[in-house]
Amino acid sequence: MELKKKYKLEKRTNLGVFMREKSEGGNTFEKIQARTGIEKQRLINIYFNTGATEPYEFLLIEKAVGKKPGEMMKAYVEKYPVKKSK
């Protein structure tokens, strides 16, 4: 029995990548879903598809992972600034 040496993680949205880097450790997708009450499909869309996070969802996620309100949102916006279209 051997582990794979070459593998690809499922592609994530910017928020999904941010969550993996900044807070997932013990805060698994399942725990965040259970704590926030955000529907599983909605959270899947936010993490893996094209779903954009609503401000209240971001606040719920921050609370679920033990962050202060706006703490993660600020870090996220600094890392992934909103691009204005012409």
PDB file of N, CA and C in Angstrom:
ATOM      1  N   MET A   1       0.849  -1.166   0.000  1.00  0.00           N
ATOM      2  CA  MET A   1       0.000   0.000   0.000  1.00  0.00           C
ATOM      3  C   MET A   1       0.902   1.239   0.000  1.00  0.00           C
ATOM      4  N   GLU A   2       0.728   2.088  -1.003  1.00  0.00           N
ATOM      5  CA  GLU A   2       1.566   3.285  -1.110  1.00  0.00           C
ATOM      6  C   GLU A   2       0.702   4.520  -1.323  1.00  0.00           C
ATOM      7  N   LEU A   3       1.178   5.629  -0.806  1.00  0.00           N
ATOM      8  CA  LEU A   3       0.498   6.898  -1.035  1.00  0.00           C
ATOM      9  C   LEU A   3       0.906   7.456  -2.387  1.00  0.00           C
ATOM     10  N   LYS A   4       0.029   8.197  -2.982  1.00  0.00           N
ATOM     11  CA  LYS A   4       0.344   8.834  -4.252  1.00  0.00           C
ATOM     12  C   LYS A   4       1.384   9.917  -4.026  1.00  0.00           C
ATOM     13  N   LYS A   5       2.324  10.008  -4.923  1.00  0.00           N
ATOM     14  CA  LYS A   5       3.352  11.040  -4.830  1.00  0.00           C
ATOM     15  C   LYS A   5       2.969  12.252  -5.653  1.00  0.00           C
ATOM     16  N   LYS A   6       2.208  12.037  -6.707  1.00  0.00           N
ATOM     17  CA  LYS A   6       1.745  13.148  -7.544  1.00  0.00           C
ATOM     18  C   LYS A   6       0.228  13.199  -7.453  1.00  0.00           C
ATOM     19  N   TYR A   7      -0.282  14.349  -7.045  1.00  0.00           N
ATOM     20  CA  TYR A   7      -1.728  14.514  -6.944  1.00  0.00           C
ATOM     21  C   TYR A   7      -2.071  15.978  -7.111  1.00  0.00           C
ATOM     22  N   LYS A   8      -3.320  16.235  -7.413  1.00  0.00           N
ATOM     23  CA  LYS A   8      -3.805  17.604  -7.561  1.00  0.00           C
ATOM     24  C   LYS A   8      -4.954  17.804  -6.588  1.00  0.00           C
ATOM     25  N   LEU A   9      -4.918  18.917  -5.878  1.00  0.00           N
ATOM     26  CA  LEU A   9      -6.030  19.272  -5.015  1.00  0.00           C
ATOM     27  C   LEU A   9      -7.132  19.861  -5.879  1.00  0.00           C
ATOM     28  N   GLU A  10      -8.358  19.701  -5.426  1.00  0.00           N
ATOM     29  CA  GLU A  10      -9.478  20.275  -6.158  1.00  0.00           C
ATOM     30  C   GLU A  10      -9.304  21.781  -6.222  1.00  0.00           C
ATOM     31  N   LYS A  11      -9.559  22.351  -7.392  1.00  0.00           N
ATOM     32  CA  LYS A  11      -9.416  23.794  -7.587  1.00  0.00           C
ATOM     33  C   LYS A  11     -10.409  24.529  -6.705  1.00  0.00           C
ATOM     34  N   ARG A  12      -9.942  25.600  -6.070  1.00  0.00           N
ATOM     35  CA  ARG A  12     -10.777  26.388  -5.186  1.00  0.00           C
ATOM     36  C   ARG A  12     -10.854  27.829  -5.666  1.00  0.00           C
ATOM     37  N   THR A  13     -11.870  28.517  -5.178  1.00  0.00           N
ATOM     38  CA  THR A  13     -11.979  29.951  -5.433  1.00  0.00           C
ATOM     39  C   THR A  13     -10.933  30.654  -4.567  1.00  0.00           C
ATOM     40  N   ASN A  14     -10.800  31.971  -4.756  1.00  0.00           N
ATOM     41  CA  ASN A  14      -9.881  32.732  -3.918  1.00  0.00           C
ATOM     42  C   ASN A  14     -10.212  32.553  -2.442  1.00  0.00           C
ATOM     43  N   LEU A  15     -11.503  32.576  -2.101  1.00  0.00           N
ATOM     44  CA  LEU A  15     -11.886  32.395  -0.705  1.00  0.00           C
ATOM     45  C   LEU A  15     -11.520  30.997  -0.223  1.00  0.00           C
ATOM     46  N   GLY A  16     -11.735  29.994  -1.044  1.00  0.00           N
ATOM     47  CA  GLY A  16     -11.375  28.629  -0.668  1.00  0.00           C
ATOM     48  C   GLY A  16      -9.885  28.477  -0.408  1.00  0.00           C
ATOM     49  N   VAL A  17      -9.056  29.093  -1.250  1.00  0.00           N
ATOM     50  CA  VAL A  17      -7.602  29.068  -1.057  1.00  0.00           C
ATOM     51  C   VAL A  17      -7.251  29.819   0.224  1.00  0.00           C
ATOM     52  N   PHE A  18      -7.852  30.978   0.410  1.00  0.00           N
ATOM     53  CA  PHE A  18      -7.614  31.794   1.602  1.00  0.00           C
ATOM     54  C   PHE A  18      -7.959  31.013   2.866  1.00  0.00           C
ATOM     55  N   MET A  19      -9.091  30.351   2.865  1.00  0.00           N
ATOM     56  CA  MET A  19      -9.515  29.582   4.035  1.00  0.00           C
ATOM     57  C   MET A  19      -8.546  28.434   4.305  1.00  0.00           C
ATOM     58  N   ARG A  20      -8.085  27.763   3.263  1.00  0.00           N
ATOM     59  CA  ARG A  20      -7.143  26.658   3.438  1.00  0.00           C
ATOM     60  C   ARG A  20      -5.840  27.177   4.061  1.00  0.00           C
ATOM     61  N   GLU A  21      -5.375  28.334   3.595  1.00  0.00           N
ATOM     62  CA  GLU A  21      -4.116  28.892   4.087  1.00  0.00           C
ATOM     63  C   GLU A  21      -4.226  29.472   5.492  1.00  0.00           C
ATOM     64  N   LYS A  22      -5.338  30.141   5.791  1.00  0.00           N
ATOM     65  CA  LYS A  22      -5.420  30.935   7.010  1.00  0.00           C
ATOM     66  C   LYS A  22      -6.132  30.287   8.182  1.00  0.00           C
ATOM     67  N   SER A  23      -7.079  29.400   7.932  1.00  0.00           N
ATOM     68  CA  SER A  23      -7.857  28.974   9.093  1.00  0.00           C
ATOM     69  C   SER A  23      -8.325  27.528   9.091  1.00  0.00           C
ATOM     70  N   GLU A  24      -7.986  26.749   8.118  1.00  0.00           N
ATOM     71  CA  GLU A  24      -8.595  25.435   8.092  1.00  0.00           C
ATOM     72  C   GLU A  24      -8.093  24.489   9.163  1.00  0.00           C
ATOM     73  N   GLY A  25      -6.850  24.314   9.396  1.00  0.00           N
ATOM     74  CA  GLY A  25      -6.364  23.422  10.444  1.00  0.00           C
ATOM     75  C   GLY A  25      -7.458  22.591  11.087  1.00  0.00           C
ATOM     76  N   GLY A  26      -7.908  22.981  12.278  1.00  0.00           N
ATOM     77  CA  GLY A  26      -8.982  22.280  12.964  1.00  0.00           C
ATOM     78  C   GLY A  26     -10.357  22.739  12.526  1.00  0.00           C
ATOM     79  N   ASN A  27     -10.400  23.806  11.742  1.00  0.00           N
ATOM     80  CA  ASN A  27     -11.672  24.342  11.258  1.00  0.00           C
ATOM     81  C   ASN A  27     -11.977  23.772   9.881  1.00  0.00           C
ATOM     82  N   THR A  28     -12.366  22.529   9.860  1.00  0.00           N
ATOM     83  CA  THR A  28     -12.634  21.865   8.590  1.00  0.00           C
ATOM     84  C   THR A  28     -13.883  22.453   7.933  1.00  0.00           C
ATOM     85  N   PHE A  29     -14.015  22.168   6.671  1.00  0.00           N
ATOM     86  CA  PHE A  29     -15.179  22.588   5.903  1.00  0.00           C
ATOM     87  C   PHE A  29     -16.452  22.170   6.632  1.00  0.00           C
ATOM     88  N   GLU A  30     -16.467  20.922   7.119  1.00  0.00           N
ATOM     89  CA  GLU A  30     -17.655  20.387   7.779  1.00  0.00           C
ATOM     90  C   GLU A  30     -17.971  21.134   9.072  1.00  0.00           C
ATOM     91  N   LYS A  31     -16.945  21.461   9.848  1.00  0.00           N
ATOM     92  CA  LYS A  31     -17.161  22.201  11.090  1.00  0.00           C
ATOM     93  C   LYS A  31     -17.667  23.614  10.801  1.00  0.00           C
ATOM     94  N   ILE A  32     -17.078  24.261   9.806  1.00  0.00           N
ATOM     95  CA  ILE A  32     -17.524  25.611   9.446  1.00  0.00           C
ATOM     96  C   ILE A  32     -18.970  25.562   8.985  1.00  0.00           C
ATOM     97  N   GLN A  33     -19.313  24.561   8.189  1.00  0.00           N
ATOM     98  CA  GLN A  33     -20.692  24.426   7.701  1.00  0.00           C
ATOM     99  C   GLN A  33     -21.645  24.213   8.870  1.00  0.00           C
ATOM    100  N   ALA A  34     -21.276  23.361   9.802  1.00  0.00           N
ATOM    101  CA  ALA A  34     -22.151  23.062  10.940  1.00  0.00           C
ATOM    102  C   ALA A  34     -22.301  24.272  11.859  1.00  0.00           C
ATOM    103  N   ARG A  35     -21.206  24.977  12.115  1.00  0.00           N
ATOM    104  CA  ARG A  35     -21.240  26.115  13.029  1.00  0.00           C
ATOM    105  C   ARG A  35     -21.973  27.311  12.450  1.00  0.00           C
ATOM    106  N   THR A  36     -21.823  27.552  11.154  1.00  0.00           N
ATOM    107  CA  THR A  36     -22.424  28.744  10.552  1.00  0.00           C
ATOM    108  C   THR A  36     -23.869  28.526  10.147  1.00  0.00           C
ATOM    109  N   GLY A  37     -24.228  27.275   9.836  1.00  0.00           N
ATOM    110  CA  GLY A  37     -25.565  27.014   9.327  1.00  0.00           C
ATOM    111  C   GLY A  37     -25.710  27.334   7.851  1.00  0.00           C
ATOM    112  N   ILE A  38     -24.609  27.702   7.209  1.00  0.00           N
ATOM    113  CA  ILE A  38     -24.651  27.952   5.765  1.00  0.00           C
ATOM    114  C   ILE A  38     -24.872  26.600   5.084  1.00  0.00           C
ATOM    115  N   GLU A  39     -25.825  26.550   4.171  1.00  0.00           N
ATOM    116  CA  GLU A  39     -26.136  25.293   3.494  1.00  0.00           C
ATOM    117  C   GLU A  39     -24.896  24.732   2.807  1.00  0.00           C
ATOM    118  N   LYS A  40     -24.781  23.414   2.817  1.00  0.00           N
ATOM    119  CA  LYS A  40     -23.608  22.738   2.262  1.00  0.00           C
ATOM    120  C   LYS A  40     -23.350  23.148   0.813  1.00  0.00           C
ATOM    121  N   GLN A  41     -24.390  23.140  -0.018  1.00  0.00           N
ATOM    122  CA  GLN A  41     -24.194  23.485  -1.423  1.00  0.00           C
ATOM    123  C   GLN A  41     -23.724  24.930  -1.573  1.00  0.00           C
ATOM    124  N   ARG A  42     -24.252  25.818  -0.752  1.00  0.00           N
ATOM    125  CA  ARG A  42     -23.832  27.224  -0.800  1.00  0.00           C
ATOM    126  C   ARG A  42     -22.358  27.343  -0.424  1.00  0.00           C
ATOM    127  N   LEU A  43     -21.935  26.639   0.616  1.00  0.00           N
ATOM    128  CA  LEU A  43     -20.536  26.686   1.027  1.00  0.00           C
ATOM    129  C   LEU A  43     -19.637  26.059  -0.034  1.00  0.00           C
ATOM    130  N   ILE A  44     -20.103  25.003  -0.674  1.00  0.00           N
ATOM    131  CA  ILE A  44     -19.349  24.400  -1.779  1.00  0.00           C
ATOM    132  C   ILE A  44     -19.174  25.430  -2.887  1.00  0.00           C
ATOM    133  N   ASN A  45     -20.241  26.152  -3.209  1.00  0.00           N
ATOM    134  CA  ASN A  45     -20.146  27.183  -4.254  1.00  0.00           C
ATOM    135  C   ASN A  45     -19.146  28.266  -3.872  1.00  0.00           C
ATOM    136  N   ILE A  46     -19.136  28.659  -2.598  1.00  0.00           N
ATOM    137  CA  ILE A  46     -18.210  29.691  -2.138  1.00  0.00           C
ATOM    138  C   ILE A  46     -16.768  29.197  -2.187  1.00  0.00           C
ATOM    139  N   TYR A  47     -16.527  27.968  -1.764  1.00  0.00           N
ATOM    140  CA  TYR A  47     -15.169  27.420  -1.683  1.00  0.00           C
ATOM    141  C   TYR A  47     -14.624  26.938  -3.027  1.00  0.00           C
ATOM    142  N   PHE A  48     -15.477  26.328  -3.848  1.00  0.00           N
ATOM    143  CA  PHE A  48     -14.974  25.625  -5.022  1.00  0.00           C
ATOM    144  C   PHE A  48     -15.503  26.129  -6.360  1.00  0.00           C
ATOM    145  N   ASN A  49     -16.610  26.829  -6.385  1.00  0.00           N
ATOM    146  CA  ASN A  49     -17.197  27.257  -7.648  1.00  0.00           C
ATOM    147  C   ASN A  49     -17.107  28.771  -7.781  1.00  0.00           C
ATOM    148  N   THR A  50     -18.069  29.367  -8.403  1.00  0.00           N
ATOM    149  CA  THR A  50     -17.986  30.803  -8.678  1.00  0.00           C
ATOM    150  C   THR A  50     -18.776  31.651  -7.691  1.00  0.00           C
ATOM    151  N   GLY A  51     -19.242  31.060  -6.606  1.00  0.00           N
ATOM    152  CA  GLY A  51     -20.038  31.805  -5.632  1.00  0.00           C
ATOM    153  C   GLY A  51     -19.242  32.904  -4.953  1.00  0.00           C
ATOM    154  N   ALA A  52     -19.848  34.076  -4.831  1.00  0.00           N
ATOM    155  CA  ALA A  52     -19.236  35.194  -4.111  1.00  0.00           C
ATOM    156  C   ALA A  52     -19.819  35.230  -2.703  1.00  0.00           C
ATOM    157  N   THR A  53     -18.967  35.443  -1.742  1.00  0.00           N
ATOM    158  CA  THR A  53     -19.393  35.437  -0.341  1.00  0.00           C
ATOM    159  C   THR A  53     -20.147  36.711   0.001  1.00  0.00           C
ATOM    160  N   GLU A  54     -21.297  36.555   0.612  1.00  0.00           N
ATOM    161  CA  GLU A  54     -22.055  37.698   1.120  1.00  0.00           C
ATOM    162  C   GLU A  54     -21.387  38.159   2.419  1.00  0.00           C
ATOM    163  N   PRO A  55     -21.451  39.462   2.730  1.00  0.00           N
ATOM    164  CA  PRO A  55     -20.817  39.949   3.963  1.00  0.00           C
ATOM    165  C   PRO A  55     -21.255  39.212   5.220  1.00  0.00           C
ATOM    166  N   TYR A  56     -22.536  38.900   5.338  1.00  0.00           N
ATOM    167  CA  TYR A  56     -22.996  38.197   6.540  1.00  0.00           C
ATOM    168  C   TYR A  56     -22.410  36.787   6.613  1.00  0.00           C
ATOM    169  N   GLU A  57     -22.193  36.142   5.446  1.00  0.00           N
ATOM    170  CA  GLU A  57     -21.585  34.811   5.434  1.00  0.00           C
ATOM    171  C   GLU A  57     -20.134  34.895   5.910  1.00  0.00           C
ATOM    172  N   PHE A  58     -19.444  35.946   5.450  1.00  0.00           N
ATOM    173  CA  PHE A  58     -18.061  36.138   5.878  1.00  0.00           C
ATOM    174  C   PHE A  58     -18.006  36.331   7.392  1.00  0.00           C
ATOM    175  N   LEU A  59     -18.926  37.126   7.933  1.00  0.00           N
ATOM    176  CA  LEU A  59     -18.967  37.348   9.381  1.00  0.00           C
ATOM    177  C   LEU A  59     -19.248  36.046  10.138  1.00  0.00           C
ATOM    178  N   LEU A  60     -20.158  35.226   9.618  1.00  0.00           N
ATOM    179  CA  LEU A  60     -20.442  33.935  10.249  1.00  0.00           C
ATOM    180  C   LEU A  60     -19.210  33.033  10.233  1.00  0.00           C
ATOM    181  N   ILE A  61     -18.507  33.016   9.112  1.00  0.00           N
ATOM    182  CA  ILE A  61     -17.303  32.185   9.002  1.00  0.00           C
ATOM    183  C   ILE A  61     -16.239  32.679   9.982  1.00  0.00           C
ATOM    184  N   GLU A  62     -16.051  33.998  10.056  1.00  0.00           N
ATOM    185  CA  GLU A  62     -15.084  34.554  11.000  1.00  0.00           C
ATOM    186  C   GLU A  62     -15.422  34.131  12.435  1.00  0.00           C
ATOM    187  N   LYS A  63     -16.673  34.239  12.785  1.00  0.00           N
ATOM    188  CA  LYS A  63     -17.111  33.867  14.131  1.00  0.00           C
ATOM    189  C   LYS A  63     -16.882  32.373  14.373  1.00  0.00           C
ATOM    190  N   ALA A  64     -17.171  31.554  13.377  1.00  0.00           N
ATOM    191  CA  ALA A  64     -17.028  30.102  13.506  1.00  0.00           C
ATOM    192  C   ALA A  64     -15.583  29.672  13.724  1.00  0.00           C
ATOM    193  N   VAL A  65     -14.625  30.428  13.167  1.00  0.00           N
ATOM    194  CA  VAL A  65     -13.213  30.052  13.313  1.00  0.00           C
ATOM    195  C   VAL A  65     -12.514  30.845  14.414  1.00  0.00           C
ATOM    196  N   GLY A  66     -13.286  31.650  15.165  1.00  0.00           N
ATOM    197  CA  GLY A  66     -12.728  32.350  16.313  1.00  0.00           C
ATOM    198  C   GLY A  66     -11.995  33.635  16.005  1.00  0.00           C
ATOM    199  N   LYS A  67     -12.336  34.276  14.914  1.00  0.00           N
ATOM    200  CA  LYS A  67     -11.710  35.553  14.556  1.00  0.00           C
ATOM    201  C   LYS A  67     -12.624  36.708  14.945  1.00  0.00           C
ATOM    202  N   LYS A  68     -12.045  37.894  15.064  1.00  0.00           N
ATOM    203  CA  LYS A  68     -12.817  39.098  15.355  1.00  0.00           C
ATOM    204  C   LYS A  68     -13.574  39.513  14.096  1.00  0.00           C
ATOM    205  N   PRO A  69     -14.744  40.153  14.262  1.00  0.00           N
ATOM    206  CA  PRO A  69     -15.495  40.607  13.085  1.00  0.00           C
ATOM    207  C   PRO A  69     -14.653  41.537  12.206  1.00  0.00           C
ATOM    208  N   GLY A  70     -14.556  41.190  10.939  1.00  0.00           N
ATOM    209  CA  GLY A  70     -13.811  41.989   9.970  1.00  0.00           C
ATOM    210  C   GLY A  70     -12.345  41.627   9.840  1.00  0.00           C
ATOM    211  N   GLU A  71     -11.820  40.837  10.754  1.00  0.00           N
ATOM    212  CA  GLU A  71     -10.392  40.487  10.744  1.00  0.00           C
ATOM    213  C   GLU A  71      -9.996  39.722   9.478  1.00  0.00           C
ATOM    214  N   MET A  72     -10.723  38.663   9.190  1.00  0.00           N
ATOM    215  CA  MET A  72     -10.415  37.868   7.994  1.00  0.00           C
ATOM    216  C   MET A  72     -10.813  38.603   6.725  1.00  0.00           C
ATOM    217  N   MET A  73     -11.927  39.323   6.788  1.00  0.00           N
ATOM    218  CA  MET A  73     -12.388  40.047   5.609  1.00  0.00           C
ATOM    219  C   MET A  73     -11.333  41.062   5.169  1.00  0.00           C
ATOM    220  N   LYS A  74     -10.755  41.773   6.127  1.00  0.00           N
ATOM    221  CA  LYS A  74      -9.715  42.753   5.828  1.00  0.00           C
ATOM    222  C   LYS A  74      -8.516  42.066   5.171  1.00  0.00           C
ATOM    223  N   ALA A  75      -8.054  40.961   5.768  1.00  0.00           N
ATOM    224  CA  ALA A  75      -6.914  40.228   5.224  1.00  0.00           C
ATOM    225  C   ALA A  75      -7.222  39.686   3.827  1.00  0.00           C
ATOM    226  N   TYR A  76      -8.451  39.214   3.620  1.00  0.00           N
ATOM    227  CA  TYR A  76      -8.857  38.675   2.322  1.00  0.00           C
ATOM    228  C   TYR A  76      -8.852  39.765   1.250  1.00  0.00           C
ATOM    229  N   VAL A  77      -9.435  40.917   1.569  1.00  0.00           N
ATOM    230  CA  VAL A  77      -9.510  42.014   0.593  1.00  0.00           C
ATOM    231  C   VAL A  77      -8.121  42.550   0.272  1.00  0.00           C
ATOM    232  N   GLU A  78      -7.231  42.541   1.250  1.00  0.00           N
ATOM    233  CA  GLU A  78      -5.852  42.972   0.987  1.00  0.00           C
ATOM    234  C   GLU A  78      -5.134  41.979   0.075  1.00  0.00           C
ATOM    235  N   LYS A  79      -5.401  40.704   0.253  1.00  0.00           N
ATOM    236  CA  LYS A  79      -4.752  39.687  -0.575  1.00  0.00           C
ATOM    237  C   LYS A  79      -5.377  39.594  -1.971  1.00  0.00           C
ATOM    238  N   TYR A  80      -6.705  39.745  -2.041  1.00  0.00           N
ATOM    239  CA  TYR A  80      -7.419  39.639  -3.304  1.00  0.00           C
ATOM    240  C   TYR A  80      -8.250  40.912  -3.509  1.00  0.00           C
ATOM    241  N   PRO A  81      -7.603  42.020  -3.895  1.00  0.00           N
ATOM    242  CA  PRO A  81      -8.341  43.278  -4.060  1.00  0.00           C
ATOM    243  C   PRO A  81      -9.391  43.169  -5.171  1.00  0.00           C
ATOM    244  N   VAL A  82     -10.461  43.917  -4.993  1.00  0.00           N
ATOM    245  CA  VAL A  82     -11.535  43.938  -5.986  1.00  0.00           C
ATOM    246  C   VAL A  82     -11.023  44.673  -7.216  1.00  0.00           C
ATOM    247  N   LYS A  83     -11.175  44.034  -8.359  1.00  0.00           N
ATOM    248  CA  LYS A  83     -10.726  44.641  -9.625  1.00  0.00           C
ATOM    249  C   LYS A  83     -11.891  45.365 -10.236  1.00  0.00           C
ATOM    250  N   LYS A  84     -11.718  46.637 -10.491  1.00  0.00           N
ATOM    251  CA  LYS A  84     -12.781  47.431 -11.101  1.00  0.00           C
ATOM    252  C   LYS A  84     -12.730  47.276 -12.618  1.00  0.00           C
ATOM    253  N   SER A  85     -13.899  47.100 -13.195  1.00  0.00           N
ATOM    254  CA  SER A  85     -13.958  47.004 -14.658  1.00  0.00           C
ATOM    255  C   SER A  85     -14.127  48.389 -15.246  1.00  0.00           C
ATOM    256  N   LYS A  86     -13.794  48.512 -16.508  1.00  0.00           N
ATOM    257  CA  LYS A  86     -13.851  49.818 -17.178  1.00  0.00           C
ATOM    258  C   LYS A  86     -15.260  50.205 -17.509  1.00  0.00           C
TER     259      LYS A  86
END
